[in-house]
Amino acid sequence: MEQLGYIAAIASAASWAFATVMFDRIGKSINYAGITFLKGVFSIVMMVCLVIWSGGLTECNFADFLVLALSGIIGIAVGDTLFFRSLQDLGAKMQVLFFMLGQIVTMLLSFLLLGDVLSITEYLGALVLLSGVIVVIWGKQEDRPNKTRGIIGGLISMLCFSISSIMVKIAIGDIDIVTATFYRMVFGTASIMFVGLTSNKLISWVRPLRDIRLLMMFILNVFVLTVGGFMLSTLAIKNISVSIASVLSTTEPIFVLLFAFLINKEKAKPKEILGAAVTICGLLIMILYG
């Protein structure tokens, strides 16, 4: 099942890259907290369909249920909200810096809390892979008026994602992917909805979706993020170590380049092509010789 875990982690990174590029555009019309809430609502609708199709939720003991619920609150209600605010402040290209840093933090927490230790070849592959990503994202970043706020929010959001990933690994056990993702989505969305209700901002969060084009774009992005970003990342964590899944997830900047070219027609620079090639070499080392 390790190969399935590798594929799921890489596909999850691609999904997050697509979502990051698209939410950067959507964020010009919808408030960052509104994106988290609306994303959660549409995700839950999709998850309910998956739960019915898969035959219902699997059994889950109370302790694991609480861990998954808390993981959803930390990773979705807090992490996603700060991520989208940081994305609005910094833009998609600089945001990948924090995503990469977040995966490194996850590796450290995985080692300290779960005892995850990689083989020598896996560490070598990780080093080559991270070197390629650094080549891609290295250089002067776009200056923005709320850059400091964006940096702080980005750092905290990545810490939330890392803690949430560790909690999922602890609780996942024999629980199927659909059930685990469903519980996380429900509690994460319920938490941010409570914030919207108590602050009387819920209506203003929903109002922009009266634009049908924006609504369709949002639904497509949520589908990609729910099935690709959340479910595949959970599948990866279930089948391989959190450390390896985190390293493979740092390939997101490579996919950002691809989607920036396909969606925005942005051409890749020579150093970005070189970085992508180095990253692929690192992936091959980890997958073939790890």
Foldseek 3Di string as FASTA:
>chain_A
DQVLLLVLLLLLLLLVLLLLQLLLVLCVQFQLLLLLQVLLVLLLVVLVVVQVVVPHFDDFDPVLLVLLLVLLQLQRQQLSSLLSVLCNQFNSLVLLVLLLVLLVVLLVCCCVPVVDDDDPLLVVLLVLQVVLLCLQNDDDGDDGPCNVSSVVSSNSSSPSNSSSLVSLLVNVVVTDLSNSLNSSSVSNNVVSVVVCVVVVCNCVRPVSVVPVVSVVSSSVSSVSCSVRNRSSLSVSVNNDPSSSSSSSSSCSSLSNQVVCCVPVVDDGDPSNVVSNVSNVVSSCSNVVPD
